[in-house]
């Protein structure tokens, strides 16, 4: 998934975002079908590779196509509003799906994957109905100039590079936190899979509410202040989760998810505002590539710290790292 992230964005800018969204949706559905039917490690590996390729094709293409569509409608200034609604709807669906997944898992660990395969199939006809803006259609076929343009944009535009790196740090933090919560929850709260599903639903509901109204905050707050606040909350949440009593830690998690709901649409809009149309999906894919690299580099270290001491110490370790690097990115 990491290796194909940037090439998939490049492909989207070259042949069209709609095509890559269709291919990505097909692979995503196929991946969960394989997952549902597999009984061996080879089947598991094939499912994960298929899902990774599918997600890579979708990543960057969806946001780029949304921004280009709004530009063609002369509504680019409303990007964070619509991106926020999309994220809110996705979080709301996850809110509904989490307890259902817990119930299905209580009956059989295979049932959630079968249900996910059915849900993933819905994306295929949805992708087929998308309409590409005329400007995007005209831009296709310019793939020979994409890599030089990307290199020029990221290396010579210091502001864009800083925005991409900062957004990737925040994205890496939220992704790492999402993967850390089950470990922390099992070590600290020690409850059932169903209760974890309900807790996860409540967290995602808070993210959904704040994503839906992120555009209102964006219009009122200074960018630098917003970015500094986001970095502070992400770092504090990791450290607090490691040190704080259970109820305070849960409150911090809700704060974290509220901030997560705000950060994703607003930071993506910051990047889109400084990116040209012909490399938009590629730049957004670079961001996601860095998110996965951060997670892949940090999570094994957290696991090692957790094995040597406790998961609480692993969270504090991650919080210190995010505090250091987000501070540098904001200053840049």
Foldseek 3Di string as FASTA:
>chain_A
DLVCQLVLLLVCLAAHLLVLLLQLLVLLLVLLVLLLPDDDVVSPVVSVVSNVSSVSNNFLSVLLQLLQVCVLVVNNLCQLQVVLQVLLVVLLVLLVVLLVQLVQVVVPPSVSSVVVSVVSNVSNVVSVPDDGDPVSVVSHNPSVCQVVVVCCLCVVVVQLVLLLVLLLLLLLLVVLVVVLVVQLCCVAVVDGSSVVSNLSSVLSNLLSVLSNCLSVVLVPDDPLVLLVVSLVLSLCLLLCSLPPHPVVNSVSSSVNSSSVSNSVSNSLSVNVVSDDSSSSSSSSSVSVSSSVVSNVVLVVVCVVVCVVPHNSVSSNVSSVVSNVVSVVSSVD
